[in-house]
């Protein structure tokens, strides 16, 4: 009949993430398999160019200038909109030198200068602290209301506070817990207004605060059932991961690469930061699998969601967060890993952070 055409062939199934075990064929997620595999097969969700996913943004506060007009402390600016959560770049214990200058810079964990900053990224003491110590986190069920989501996020954030505080104590690094703003109505932060275009969650380094929209995070999940709690828990754990990078001094090196390098160098540094936050999120969820068990369906839903937030649609030279297979793969790496060493994206080959 005129006007009727056969449907286009389905897009090719994406390759499985190159990190960790696939979610099918065993209970690394805290329970036996449940039900049949999803119809798309044993991959990690539909291609990123399938159903559009809501974008997150990376927000950084405006530069602070001295009386002489030069940049005295660089917090950053607003970068491209991308599918993932926010890059946290913090104001460290001292004043940063101007955009890659040669002056010394105090930062958490001790030490000064650019060389020390690089060491904190590539050889952080956190990597040598083993796995995260379980804190027996138990989360309330999410009901369809903003207040229920707030309770879920507050409880989860308390667990993250306890978990990472213990890890920093192992490393001998001072740790300050992030502040939280779980919002319903629009507002402003030192990093800009929220909701920003495409943003439902971000970490603002200017005031060390996580911002998450209680309704927005559900609206931007692509209709994910609230029973798939890990989809939402991963968002908070990722933002918290940026605070971890901030407090450990890891971000200083990445910040300088972004500010002073060429586009390719800056984008790769950004991807290493974002993918490490993914790994830290997976490490936390994996450490709590005894009290936060995931059914097969819940685990797969999390990986499908993350896989769909990759930058597969963008040209290689514009990717500053990573392909879907890497964005999902580093979550799996952290979840399966028994040691934070696996989250050292700074020494990973470029092919694993593309």
C-alpha atoms as a PDB file:
ATOM      1  CA  UNK A   1       0.000   0.000   0.000  1.00  0.00           C
ATOM      2  CA  UNK A   2       1.283   3.442  -0.845  1.00  0.00           C
ATOM      3  CA  UNK A   3       2.972   5.215   2.010  1.00  0.00           C
ATOM      4  CA  UNK A   4       3.836   2.000   3.866  1.00  0.00           C
ATOM      5  CA  UNK A   5       7.446   0.908   4.004  1.00  0.00           C
ATOM      6  CA  UNK A   6       9.126  -2.000   5.700  1.00  0.00           C
ATOM      7  CA  UNK A   7      10.753  -1.035   9.009  1.00  0.00           C
ATOM      8  CA  UNK A   8      14.487  -0.304   8.856  1.00  0.00           C
ATOM      9  CA  UNK A   9      16.795  -3.076   9.996  1.00  0.00           C
ATOM     10  CA  UNK A  10      17.739  -2.905  13.677  1.00  0.00           C
ATOM     11  CA  UNK A  11      21.086  -1.268  14.506  1.00  0.00           C
ATOM     12  CA  UNK A  12      24.005  -3.616  15.102  1.00  0.00           C
ATOM     13  CA  UNK A  13      24.349  -4.918  18.626  1.00  0.00           C
ATOM     14  CA  UNK A  14      27.113  -3.043  20.464  1.00  0.00           C
ATOM     15  CA  UNK A  15      30.179  -4.917  21.626  1.00  0.00           C
ATOM     16  CA  UNK A  16      30.370  -5.829  25.276  1.00  0.00           C
ATOM     17  CA  UNK A  17      32.404  -3.504  27.501  1.00  0.00           C
ATOM     18  CA  UNK A  18      36.036  -4.584  27.643  1.00  0.00           C
ATOM     19  CA  UNK A  19      36.195  -4.435  31.422  1.00  0.00           C
ATOM     20  CA  UNK A  20      35.099  -6.946  34.011  1.00  0.00           C
ATOM     21  CA  UNK A  21      32.646  -9.800  33.734  1.00  0.00           C
ATOM     22  CA  UNK A  22      29.424  -9.486  31.750  1.00  0.00           C
ATOM     23  CA  UNK A  23      26.237  -9.389  33.824  1.00  0.00           C
ATOM     24  CA  UNK A  24      25.042 -12.691  32.426  1.00  0.00           C
ATOM     25  CA  UNK A  25      26.128 -16.074  33.636  1.00  0.00           C
ATOM     26  CA  UNK A  26      26.785 -15.689  37.326  1.00  0.00           C
ATOM     27  CA  UNK A  27      25.913 -13.705  40.417  1.00  0.00           C
ATOM     28  CA  UNK A  28      28.632 -11.066  40.812  1.00  0.00           C
ATOM     29  CA  UNK A  29      25.783  -8.701  41.648  1.00  0.00           C
ATOM     30  CA  UNK A  30      24.641 -10.421  44.836  1.00  0.00           C
ATOM     31  CA  UNK A  31      22.053 -12.974  43.749  1.00  0.00           C
ATOM     32  CA  UNK A  32      21.113 -15.736  41.336  1.00  0.00           C
ATOM     33  CA  UNK A  33      20.026 -15.023  37.767  1.00  0.00           C
ATOM     34  CA  UNK A  34      16.438 -13.929  37.340  1.00  0.00           C
ATOM     35  CA  UNK A  35      14.377 -14.436  34.198  1.00  0.00           C
ATOM     36  CA  UNK A  36      15.465 -14.663  30.597  1.00  0.00           C
ATOM     37  CA  UNK A  37      18.111 -12.443  29.042  1.00  0.00           C
ATOM     38  CA  UNK A  38      16.833  -9.144  27.654  1.00  0.00           C
ATOM     39  CA  UNK A  39      15.775  -9.301  23.986  1.00  0.00           C
ATOM     40  CA  UNK A  40      18.827  -7.387  22.816  1.00  0.00           C
ATOM     41  CA  UNK A  41      21.057 -10.280  23.838  1.00  0.00           C
ATOM     42  CA  UNK A  42      24.082 -10.539  26.098  1.00  0.00           C
ATOM     43  CA  UNK A  43      25.480  -7.091  25.448  1.00  0.00           C
ATOM     44  CA  UNK A  44      25.141  -4.003  27.614  1.00  0.00           C
ATOM     45  CA  UNK A  45      22.037  -2.348  26.292  1.00  0.00           C
ATOM     46  CA  UNK A  46      20.991  -0.698  23.058  1.00  0.00           C
ATOM     47  CA  UNK A  47      23.443   1.369  21.073  1.00  0.00           C
ATOM     48  CA  UNK A  48      23.818   4.968  22.185  1.00  0.00           C
ATOM     49  CA  UNK A  49      22.385   6.064  18.853  1.00  0.00           C
ATOM     50  CA  UNK A  50      19.157   4.203  19.555  1.00  0.00           C
ATOM     51  CA  UNK A  51      16.669   5.735  21.970  1.00  0.00           C
ATOM     52  CA  UNK A  52      17.841   9.268  22.823  1.00  0.00           C
ATOM     53  CA  UNK A  53      19.030   9.680  26.381  1.00  0.00           C
ATOM     54  CA  UNK A  54      18.855  12.854  28.389  1.00  0.00           C
ATOM     55  CA  UNK A  55      22.168  14.631  28.669  1.00  0.00           C
ATOM     56  CA  UNK A  56      23.986  15.656  31.780  1.00  0.00           C
ATOM     57  CA  UNK A  57      26.406  18.553  31.811  1.00  0.00           C
ATOM     58  CA  UNK A  58      29.748  19.216  33.339  1.00  0.00           C
ATOM     59  CA  UNK A  59      29.656  22.407  35.367  1.00  0.00           C
ATOM     60  CA  UNK A  60      32.614  24.297  36.700  1.00  0.00           C
ATOM     61  CA  UNK A  61      32.509  27.631  38.534  1.00  0.00           C
ATOM     62  CA  UNK A  62      33.654  30.835  36.825  1.00  0.00           C
ATOM     63  CA  UNK A  63      37.293  31.853  37.243  1.00  0.00           C
ATOM     64  CA  UNK A  64      38.150  34.053  40.174  1.00  0.00           C
ATOM     65  CA  UNK A  65      40.271  37.051  39.303  1.00  0.00           C
ATOM     66  CA  UNK A  66      42.685  39.073  41.393  1.00  0.00           C
ATOM     67  CA  UNK A  67      42.731  42.877  41.596  1.00  0.00           C
ATOM     68  CA  UNK A  68      45.307  42.880  38.811  1.00  0.00           C
ATOM     69  CA  UNK A  69      42.918  41.017  36.539  1.00  0.00           C
ATOM     70  CA  UNK A  70      44.920  37.773  36.355  1.00  0.00           C
ATOM     71  CA  UNK A  71      43.400  34.445  37.299  1.00  0.00           C
ATOM     72  CA  UNK A  72      44.278  33.724  40.904  1.00  0.00           C
ATOM     73  CA  UNK A  73      42.386  30.481  41.329  1.00  0.00           C
ATOM     74  CA  UNK A  74      40.995  28.376  38.529  1.00  0.00           C
ATOM     75  CA  UNK A  75      37.823  26.496  39.201  1.00  0.00           C
ATOM     76  CA  UNK A  76      36.805  26.213  35.562  1.00  0.00           C
ATOM     77  CA  UNK A  77      33.972  27.054  33.175  1.00  0.00           C
ATOM     78  CA  UNK A  78      31.085  25.343  31.433  1.00  0.00           C
ATOM     79  CA  UNK A  79      31.995  22.654  28.916  1.00  0.00           C
ATOM     80  CA  UNK A  80      30.033  20.816  26.239  1.00  0.00           C
ATOM     81  CA  UNK A  81      26.792  19.043  27.097  1.00  0.00           C
ATOM     82  CA  UNK A  82      27.340  15.331  27.287  1.00  0.00           C
ATOM     83  CA  UNK A  83      25.712  12.112  28.362  1.00  0.00           C
ATOM     84  CA  UNK A  84      26.940  11.532  31.929  1.00  0.00           C
ATOM     85  CA  UNK A  85      27.295  13.307  35.189  1.00  0.00           C
ATOM     86  CA  UNK A  86      29.504  16.163  36.280  1.00  0.00           C
ATOM     87  CA  UNK A  87      33.229  16.766  36.438  1.00  0.00           C
ATOM     88  CA  UNK A  88      34.179  18.002  39.866  1.00  0.00           C
ATOM     89  CA  UNK A  89      37.169  20.337  39.944  1.00  0.00           C
ATOM     90  CA  UNK A  90      37.841  21.745  43.379  1.00  0.00           C
ATOM     91  CA  UNK A  91      39.436  24.672  45.086  1.00  0.00           C
ATOM     92  CA  UNK A  92      42.284  23.012  46.941  1.00  0.00           C
ATOM     93  CA  UNK A  93      43.828  23.913  50.255  1.00  0.00           C
ATOM     94  CA  UNK A  94      45.904  26.678  48.693  1.00  0.00           C
ATOM     95  CA  UNK A  95      45.747  28.930  45.667  1.00  0.00           C
ATOM     96  CA  UNK A  96      46.277  27.404  42.259  1.00  0.00           C
ATOM     97  CA  UNK A  97      48.844  28.907  39.987  1.00  0.00           C
ATOM     98  CA  UNK A  98      47.541  30.626  36.876  1.00  0.00           C
ATOM     99  CA  UNK A  99      46.571  28.208  34.103  1.00  0.00           C
ATOM    100  CA  UNK A 100      49.495  25.862  34.124  1.00  0.00           C
ATOM    101  CA  UNK A 101      52.005  28.246  35.688  1.00  0.00           C
ATOM    102  CA  UNK A 102      55.111  27.012  37.407  1.00  0.00           C
ATOM    103  CA  UNK A 103      54.269  28.173  40.927  1.00  0.00           C
ATOM    104  CA  UNK A 104      53.646  25.713  43.741  1.00  0.00           C
ATOM    105  CA  UNK A 105      50.157  24.606  44.680  1.00  0.00           C
ATOM    106  CA  UNK A 106      48.970  23.201  47.964  1.00  0.00           C
ATOM    107  CA  UNK A 107      46.449  20.377  47.730  1.00  0.00           C
ATOM    108  CA  UNK A 108      44.867  17.669  49.890  1.00  0.00           C
ATOM    109  CA  UNK A 109      47.201  14.924  50.964  1.00  0.00           C
ATOM    110  CA  UNK A 110      50.255  17.160  51.169  1.00  0.00           C
ATOM    111  CA  UNK A 111      52.898  18.083  48.610  1.00  0.00           C
ATOM    112  CA  UNK A 112      53.187  21.002  46.215  1.00  0.00           C
ATOM    113  CA  UNK A 113      53.834  21.714  42.575  1.00  0.00           C
ATOM    114  CA  UNK A 114      52.863  20.210  39.232  1.00  0.00           C
ATOM    115  CA  UNK A 115      54.917  17.046  39.710  1.00  0.00           C
ATOM    116  CA  UNK A 116      53.138  16.324  42.971  1.00  0.00           C
ATOM    117  CA  UNK A 117      49.776  16.898  41.284  1.00  0.00           C
ATOM    118  CA  UNK A 118      50.597  14.331  38.609  1.00  0.00           C
ATOM    119  CA  UNK A 119      51.672  11.819  41.235  1.00  0.00           C
ATOM    120  CA  UNK A 120      48.358  12.275  43.043  1.00  0.00           C
ATOM    121  CA  UNK A 121      46.500  11.369  39.863  1.00  0.00           C
ATOM    122  CA  UNK A 122      48.645   8.495  38.622  1.00  0.00           C
ATOM    123  CA  UNK A 123      49.755   7.096  41.979  1.00  0.00           C
ATOM    124  CA  UNK A 124      47.148   8.180  44.499  1.00  0.00           C
ATOM    125  CA  UNK A 125      47.389   6.698  47.961  1.00  0.00           C
ATOM    126  CA  UNK A 126      43.764   5.646  47.566  1.00  0.00           C
ATOM    127  CA  UNK A 127      44.786   3.060  44.972  1.00  0.00           C
ATOM    128  CA  UNK A 128      46.806   1.268  47.643  1.00  0.00           C
ATOM    129  CA  UNK A 129      44.016   1.020  50.215  1.00  0.00           C
ATOM    130  CA  UNK A 130      42.451  -2.159  48.846  1.00  0.00           C
ATOM    131  CA  UNK A 131      38.711  -2.521  48.415  1.00  0.00           C
ATOM    132  CA  UNK A 132      36.122  -0.293  50.010  1.00  0.00           C
ATOM    133  CA  UNK A 133      35.103  -1.451  53.466  1.00  0.00           C
ATOM    134  CA  UNK A 134      31.400  -2.407  53.525  1.00  0.00           C
ATOM    135  CA  UNK A 135      29.255  -0.182  55.738  1.00  0.00           C
ATOM    136  CA  UNK A 136      26.132  -2.371  55.585  1.00  0.00           C
ATOM    137  CA  UNK A 137      24.191   0.173  53.572  1.00  0.00           C
ATOM    138  CA  UNK A 138      20.454  -0.457  53.402  1.00  0.00           C
ATOM    139  CA  UNK A 139      18.340   1.796  51.209  1.00  0.00           C
ATOM    140  CA  UNK A 140      14.629   2.519  51.477  1.00  0.00           C
ATOM    141  CA  UNK A 141      12.403   1.565  48.594  1.00  0.00           C
ATOM    142  CA  UNK A 142      11.776   4.436  46.192  1.00  0.00           C
ATOM    143  CA  UNK A 143       8.140   5.456  45.977  1.00  0.00           C
ATOM    144  CA  UNK A 144       6.735   7.796  43.279  1.00  0.00           C
ATOM    145  CA  UNK A 145       7.233  11.022  45.217  1.00  0.00           C
ATOM    146  CA  UNK A 146       9.986  13.601  45.573  1.00  0.00           C
ATOM    147  CA  UNK A 147      10.088  13.080  49.334  1.00  0.00           C
ATOM    148  CA  UNK A 148      10.678   9.356  48.889  1.00  0.00           C
ATOM    149  CA  UNK A 149      13.508  10.037  46.438  1.00  0.00           C
ATOM    150  CA  UNK A 150      14.974  12.528  48.921  1.00  0.00           C
ATOM    151  CA  UNK A 151      14.992   9.897  51.662  1.00  0.00           C
ATOM    152  CA  UNK A 152      16.653   7.428  49.280  1.00  0.00           C
ATOM    153  CA  UNK A 153      19.356   9.933  48.323  1.00  0.00           C
ATOM    154  CA  UNK A 154      19.988  11.096  51.880  1.00  0.00           C
ATOM    155  CA  UNK A 155      20.388   7.517  53.099  1.00  0.00           C
ATOM    156  CA  UNK A 156      22.648   6.628  50.193  1.00  0.00           C
ATOM    157  CA  UNK A 157      24.760   9.746  50.744  1.00  0.00           C
ATOM    158  CA  UNK A 158      25.176   8.832  54.415  1.00  0.00           C
ATOM    159  CA  UNK A 159      26.478   5.427  53.297  1.00  0.00           C
ATOM    160  CA  UNK A 160      28.878   7.041  50.831  1.00  0.00           C
ATOM    161  CA  UNK A 161      30.116   9.386  53.558  1.00  0.00           C
ATOM    162  CA  UNK A 162      30.882   6.486  55.869  1.00  0.00           C
ATOM    163  CA  UNK A 163      32.461   4.334  53.160  1.00  0.00           C
ATOM    164  CA  UNK A 164      34.808   6.917  51.675  1.00  0.00           C
ATOM    165  CA  UNK A 165      35.710   8.434  55.051  1.00  0.00           C
ATOM    166  CA  UNK A 166      37.045   5.017  56.074  1.00  0.00           C
ATOM    167  CA  UNK A 167      38.968   4.694  52.818  1.00  0.00           C
ATOM    168  CA  UNK A 168      40.601   8.095  53.208  1.00  0.00           C
ATOM    169  CA  UNK A 169      41.531   7.192  56.762  1.00  0.00           C
ATOM    170  CA  UNK A 170      43.288   4.091  55.414  1.00  0.00           C
ATOM    171  CA  UNK A 171      45.187   6.308  52.980  1.00  0.00           C
ATOM    172  CA  UNK A 172      46.073   8.876  55.624  1.00  0.00           C
ATOM    173  CA  UNK A 173      44.385  11.678  53.671  1.00  0.00           C
ATOM    174  CA  UNK A 174      42.154  14.298  55.251  1.00  0.00           C
ATOM    175  CA  UNK A 175      38.567  13.918  54.155  1.00  0.00           C
ATOM    176  CA  UNK A 176      35.669  16.372  54.295  1.00  0.00           C
ATOM    177  CA  UNK A 177      32.224  15.122  53.398  1.00  0.00           C
ATOM    178  CA  UNK A 178      30.421  16.898  50.557  1.00  0.00           C
ATOM    179  CA  UNK A 179      27.320  18.968  51.143  1.00  0.00           C
ATOM    180  CA  UNK A 180      24.079  18.024  49.405  1.00  0.00           C
ATOM    181  CA  UNK A 181      21.333  19.921  47.664  1.00  0.00           C
ATOM    182  CA  UNK A 182      18.480  17.700  46.532  1.00  0.00           C
ATOM    183  CA  UNK A 183      16.203  20.107  44.744  1.00  0.00           C
ATOM    184  CA  UNK A 184      12.673  20.264  43.422  1.00  0.00           C
ATOM    185  CA  UNK A 185      12.501  23.923  42.467  1.00  0.00           C
ATOM    186  CA  UNK A 186      15.080  25.622  40.209  1.00  0.00           C
ATOM    187  CA  UNK A 187      17.871  27.510  41.921  1.00  0.00           C
ATOM    188  CA  UNK A 188      21.443  28.728  41.690  1.00  0.00           C
ATOM    189  CA  UNK A 189      24.804  27.354  42.724  1.00  0.00           C
ATOM    190  CA  UNK A 190      28.296  28.892  42.513  1.00  0.00           C
ATOM    191  CA  UNK A 191      28.652  26.816  39.340  1.00  0.00           C
ATOM    192  CA  UNK A 192      25.533  28.242  37.725  1.00  0.00           C
ATOM    193  CA  UNK A 193      21.770  27.869  37.673  1.00  0.00           C
ATOM    194  CA  UNK A 194      19.970  24.554  37.854  1.00  0.00           C
ATOM    195  CA  UNK A 195      18.535  22.785  36.105  1.00  0.00           C
ATOM    196  CA  UNK A 196      21.093  23.631  33.450  1.00  0.00           C
ATOM    197  CA  UNK A 197      20.193  22.556  29.912  1.00  0.00           C
ATOM    198  CA  UNK A 198      20.359  18.780  29.998  1.00  0.00           C
ATOM    199  CA  UNK A 199      21.409  18.507  33.647  1.00  0.00           C
ATOM    200  CA  UNK A 200      19.714  16.626  36.467  1.00  0.00           C
ATOM    201  CA  UNK A 201      22.806  16.095  38.636  1.00  0.00           C
ATOM    202  CA  UNK A 202      26.189  17.716  39.119  1.00  0.00           C
ATOM    203  CA  UNK A 203      28.969  18.267  41.623  1.00  0.00           C
ATOM    204  CA  UNK A 204      30.052  21.855  42.203  1.00  0.00           C
ATOM    205  CA  UNK A 205      33.645  22.167  43.444  1.00  0.00           C
ATOM    206  CA  UNK A 206      33.320  25.796  44.457  1.00  0.00           C
ATOM    207  CA  UNK A 207      31.322  24.773  47.525  1.00  0.00           C
ATOM    208  CA  UNK A 208      31.960  21.009  47.521  1.00  0.00           C
ATOM    209  CA  UNK A 209      28.284  20.238  47.009  1.00  0.00           C
ATOM    210  CA  UNK A 210      26.335  17.605  45.099  1.00  0.00           C
ATOM    211  CA  UNK A 211      23.186  18.857  43.357  1.00  0.00           C
ATOM    212  CA  UNK A 212      20.513  16.408  42.237  1.00  0.00           C
ATOM    213  CA  UNK A 213      16.975  17.078  41.031  1.00  0.00           C
ATOM    214  CA  UNK A 214      14.579  14.828  42.929  1.00  0.00           C
ATOM    215  CA  UNK A 215      12.051  14.764  40.089  1.00  0.00           C
ATOM    216  CA  UNK A 216      14.478  15.595  37.321  1.00  0.00           C
ATOM    217  CA  UNK A 217      16.604  12.500  37.889  1.00  0.00           C
ATOM    218  CA  UNK A 218      13.528  10.329  37.283  1.00  0.00           C
ATOM    219  CA  UNK A 219      12.299  12.343  34.308  1.00  0.00           C
ATOM    220  CA  UNK A 220      15.686  11.981  32.620  1.00  0.00           C
ATOM    221  CA  UNK A 221      16.043   8.260  33.209  1.00  0.00           C
ATOM    222  CA  UNK A 222      14.113   7.262  30.092  1.00  0.00           C
ATOM    223  CA  UNK A 223      11.180   5.866  32.044  1.00  0.00           C
ATOM    224  CA  UNK A 224      13.292   3.562  34.227  1.00  0.00           C
ATOM    225  CA  UNK A 225      11.138   1.838  36.897  1.00  0.00           C
ATOM    226  CA  UNK A 226      11.826   3.052  40.429  1.00  0.00           C
ATOM    227  CA  UNK A 227      12.395  -0.577  41.420  1.00  0.00           C
ATOM    228  CA  UNK A 228      15.645  -0.397  39.436  1.00  0.00           C
ATOM    229  CA  UNK A 229      17.229   1.487  42.303  1.00  0.00           C
ATOM    230  CA  UNK A 230      20.807   1.011  41.064  1.00  0.00           C
ATOM    231  CA  UNK A 231      20.139   3.287  38.076  1.00  0.00           C
ATOM    232  CA  UNK A 232      19.567   6.147  40.503  1.00  0.00           C
ATOM    233  CA  UNK A 233      22.158   5.059  43.046  1.00  0.00           C
ATOM    234  CA  UNK A 234      24.823   5.058  40.350  1.00  0.00           C
ATOM    235  CA  UNK A 235      24.135   8.726  39.584  1.00  0.00           C
ATOM    236  CA  UNK A 236      24.749   9.765  43.210  1.00  0.00           C
ATOM    237  CA  UNK A 237      27.756   7.476  43.578  1.00  0.00           C
ATOM    238  CA  UNK A 238      29.251   8.991  40.400  1.00  0.00           C
ATOM    239  CA  UNK A 239      28.869  12.556  41.664  1.00  0.00           C
ATOM    240  CA  UNK A 240      30.348  11.478  44.956  1.00  0.00           C
ATOM    241  CA  UNK A 241      33.236   9.998  42.994  1.00  0.00           C
ATOM    242  CA  UNK A 242      34.112  13.484  41.756  1.00  0.00           C
ATOM    243  CA  UNK A 243      34.248  14.681  45.354  1.00  0.00           C
ATOM    244  CA  UNK A 244      36.569  11.772  46.136  1.00  0.00           C
ATOM    245  CA  UNK A 245      38.848  12.837  43.277  1.00  0.00           C
ATOM    246  CA  UNK A 246      38.711  16.406  44.556  1.00  0.00           C
ATOM    247  CA  UNK A 247      39.620  15.563  48.146  1.00  0.00           C
ATOM    248  CA  UNK A 248      42.369  13.143  47.104  1.00  0.00           C
ATOM    249  CA  UNK A 249      44.036  15.797  44.965  1.00  0.00           C
ATOM    250  CA  UNK A 250      43.521  13.760  41.806  1.00  0.00           C
ATOM    251  CA  UNK A 251      41.616  16.493  40.019  1.00  0.00           C
ATOM    252  CA  UNK A 252      44.395  19.043  40.146  1.00  0.00           C
ATOM    253  CA  UNK A 253      46.398  17.222  37.481  1.00  0.00           C
ATOM    254  CA  UNK A 254      43.364  16.690  35.262  1.00  0.00           C
ATOM    255  CA  UNK A 255      42.380  20.316  35.711  1.00  0.00           C
ATOM    256  CA  UNK A 256      45.753  21.483  34.445  1.00  0.00           C
ATOM    257  CA  UNK A 257      45.586  19.144  31.471  1.00  0.00           C
ATOM    258  CA  UNK A 258      42.191  20.565  30.543  1.00  0.00           C
ATOM    259  CA  UNK A 259      43.200  24.175  31.091  1.00  0.00           C
ATOM    260  CA  UNK A 260      46.639  24.153  29.493  1.00  0.00           C
ATOM    261  CA  UNK A 261      46.637  21.310  26.953  1.00  0.00           C
ATOM    262  CA  UNK A 262      45.338  21.283  23.432  1.00  0.00           C
ATOM    263  CA  UNK A 263      41.845  20.049  22.698  1.00  0.00           C
ATOM    264  CA  UNK A 264      42.822  16.397  22.372  1.00  0.00           C
ATOM    265  CA  UNK A 265      44.852  16.461  25.602  1.00  0.00           C
ATOM    266  CA  UNK A 266      42.110  18.220  27.508  1.00  0.00           C
ATOM    267  CA  UNK A 267      39.372  15.903  26.289  1.00  0.00           C
ATOM    268  CA  UNK A 268      41.364  12.806  27.176  1.00  0.00           C
ATOM    269  CA  UNK A 269      42.013  14.156  30.676  1.00  0.00           C
ATOM    270  CA  UNK A 270      38.292  14.850  31.012  1.00  0.00           C
ATOM    271  CA  UNK A 271      37.458  11.304  29.951  1.00  0.00           C
ATOM    272  CA  UNK A 272      39.900   9.853  32.469  1.00  0.00           C
ATOM    273  CA  UNK A 273      38.254  11.917  35.210  1.00  0.00           C
ATOM    274  CA  UNK A 274      34.718  10.922  34.235  1.00  0.00           C
ATOM    275  CA  UNK A 275      35.494   7.240  33.755  1.00  0.00           C
ATOM    276  CA  UNK A 276      37.283   7.084  37.089  1.00  0.00           C
ATOM    277  CA  UNK A 277      34.172   8.505  38.767  1.00  0.00           C
ATOM    278  CA  UNK A 278      32.260   5.695  37.069  1.00  0.00           C
ATOM    279  CA  UNK A 279      34.682   3.136  38.464  1.00  0.00           C
ATOM    280  CA  UNK A 280      34.465   4.610  41.964  1.00  0.00           C
ATOM    281  CA  UNK A 281      30.670   4.385  41.744  1.00  0.00           C
ATOM    282  CA  UNK A 282      30.880   0.736  40.729  1.00  0.00           C
ATOM    283  CA  UNK A 283      33.371   0.026  43.517  1.00  0.00           C
ATOM    284  CA  UNK A 284      30.971   1.359  46.127  1.00  0.00           C
ATOM    285  CA  UNK A 285      27.971  -0.567  44.813  1.00  0.00           C
ATOM    286  CA  UNK A 286      30.074  -3.716  44.568  1.00  0.00           C
ATOM    287  CA  UNK A 287      31.333  -3.368  48.138  1.00  0.00           C
ATOM    288  CA  UNK A 288      27.756  -3.159  49.428  1.00  0.00           C
ATOM    289  CA  UNK A 289      26.391  -6.132  47.495  1.00  0.00           C
ATOM    290  CA  UNK A 290      25.621  -8.030  50.728  1.00  0.00           C
ATOM    291  CA  UNK A 291      23.103  -5.429  51.911  1.00  0.00           C
ATOM    292  CA  UNK A 292      22.311  -3.868  48.523  1.00  0.00           C
ATOM    293  CA  UNK A 293      21.784  -7.025  46.481  1.00  0.00           C
ATOM    294  CA  UNK A 294      20.772  -6.617  42.863  1.00  0.00           C
ATOM    295  CA  UNK A 295      18.674  -9.009  40.925  1.00  0.00           C
ATOM    296  CA  UNK A 296      19.862  -9.788  37.450  1.00  0.00           C
ATOM    297  CA  UNK A 297      17.202  -7.451  36.091  1.00  0.00           C
ATOM    298  CA  UNK A 298      18.328  -4.564  38.307  1.00  0.00           C
ATOM    299  CA  UNK A 299      21.979  -5.023  37.443  1.00  0.00           C
ATOM    300  CA  UNK A 300      21.295  -5.189  33.733  1.00  0.00           C
ATOM    301  CA  UNK A 301      19.053  -2.113  33.936  1.00  0.00           C
ATOM    302  CA  UNK A 302      21.919  -0.140  35.455  1.00  0.00           C
ATOM    303  CA  UNK A 303      24.380  -1.215  32.774  1.00  0.00           C
ATOM    304  CA  UNK A 304      21.869  -0.592  29.973  1.00  0.00           C
ATOM    305  CA  UNK A 305      21.229   2.910  31.298  1.00  0.00           C
ATOM    306  CA  UNK A 306      24.918   3.716  31.586  1.00  0.00           C
ATOM    307  CA  UNK A 307      25.739   2.196  28.196  1.00  0.00           C
ATOM    308  CA  UNK A 308      23.145   4.427  26.579  1.00  0.00           C
ATOM    309  CA  UNK A 309      24.758   7.574  27.995  1.00  0.00           C
ATOM    310  CA  UNK A 310      27.952   7.293  25.987  1.00  0.00           C
ATOM    311  CA  UNK A 311      29.183   9.712  23.370  1.00  0.00           C
ATOM    312  CA  UNK A 312      28.920   7.324  20.439  1.00  0.00           C
ATOM    313  CA  UNK A 313      27.162   9.957  18.332  1.00  0.00           C
ATOM    314  CA  UNK A 314      29.959  12.493  18.720  1.00  0.00           C
ATOM    315  CA  UNK A 315      33.116  12.696  16.582  1.00  0.00           C
ATOM    316  CA  UNK A 316      36.216  11.340  18.336  1.00  0.00           C
ATOM    317  CA  UNK A 317      37.741  14.786  18.756  1.00  0.00           C
ATOM    318  CA  UNK A 318      34.664  16.029  20.617  1.00  0.00           C
ATOM    319  CA  UNK A 319      34.352  13.236  23.192  1.00  0.00           C
ATOM    320  CA  UNK A 320      35.162  14.424  26.687  1.00  0.00           C
ATOM    321  CA  UNK A 321      33.306  11.710  28.635  1.00  0.00           C
ATOM    322  CA  UNK A 322      33.749   8.510  26.634  1.00  0.00           C
ATOM    323  CA  UNK A 323      32.034   5.925  24.477  1.00  0.00           C
ATOM    324  CA  UNK A 324      29.126   3.991  25.898  1.00  0.00           C
ATOM    325  CA  UNK A 325      31.067   0.740  26.142  1.00  0.00           C
ATOM    326  CA  UNK A 326      33.727   2.462  28.224  1.00  0.00           C
ATOM    327  CA  UNK A 327      31.255   4.396  30.336  1.00  0.00           C
ATOM    328  CA  UNK A 328      29.560   1.120  31.248  1.00  0.00           C
ATOM    329  CA  UNK A 329      32.773  -0.890  31.297  1.00  0.00           C
ATOM    330  CA  UNK A 330      34.426   1.137  34.038  1.00  0.00           C
ATOM    331  CA  UNK A 331      31.357   0.726  36.266  1.00  0.00           C
ATOM    332  CA  UNK A 332      31.710  -3.028  35.836  1.00  0.00           C
ATOM    333  CA  UNK A 333      35.442  -2.821  36.507  1.00  0.00           C
ATOM    334  CA  UNK A 334      34.804  -1.101  39.826  1.00  0.00           C
ATOM    335  CA  UNK A 335      31.910  -3.389  40.723  1.00  0.00           C
ATOM    336  CA  UNK A 336      33.893  -6.559  40.084  1.00  0.00           C
ATOM    337  CA  UNK A 337      37.218  -5.248  41.354  1.00  0.00           C
ATOM    338  CA  UNK A 338      38.389  -6.067  44.847  1.00  0.00           C
ATOM    339  CA  UNK A 339      40.960  -3.294  44.892  1.00  0.00           C
ATOM    340  CA  UNK A 340      40.797   0.406  44.026  1.00  0.00           C
ATOM    341  CA  UNK A 341      43.886  -0.037  41.890  1.00  0.00           C
ATOM    342  CA  UNK A 342      41.532  -1.119  39.091  1.00  0.00           C
ATOM    343  CA  UNK A 343      40.104   2.418  39.059  1.00  0.00           C
ATOM    344  CA  UNK A 344      43.368   4.083  38.086  1.00  0.00           C
ATOM    345  CA  UNK A 345      42.261   5.445  34.727  1.00  0.00           C
ATOM    346  CA  UNK A 346      45.336   7.679  34.636  1.00  0.00           C
ATOM    347  CA  UNK A 347      47.631   4.806  33.716  1.00  0.00           C
ATOM    348  CA  UNK A 348      45.143   2.987  31.453  1.00  0.00           C
ATOM    349  CA  UNK A 349      45.887   2.889  27.699  1.00  0.00           C
ATOM    350  CA  UNK A 350      44.191   5.574  25.641  1.00  0.00           C
ATOM    351  CA  UNK A 351      42.195   2.849  23.885  1.00  0.00           C
ATOM    352  CA  UNK A 352      40.368   2.118  27.147  1.00  0.00           C
ATOM    353  CA  UNK A 353      39.357   5.720  27.758  1.00  0.00           C
ATOM    354  CA  UNK A 354      38.230   6.748  24.272  1.00  0.00           C
END
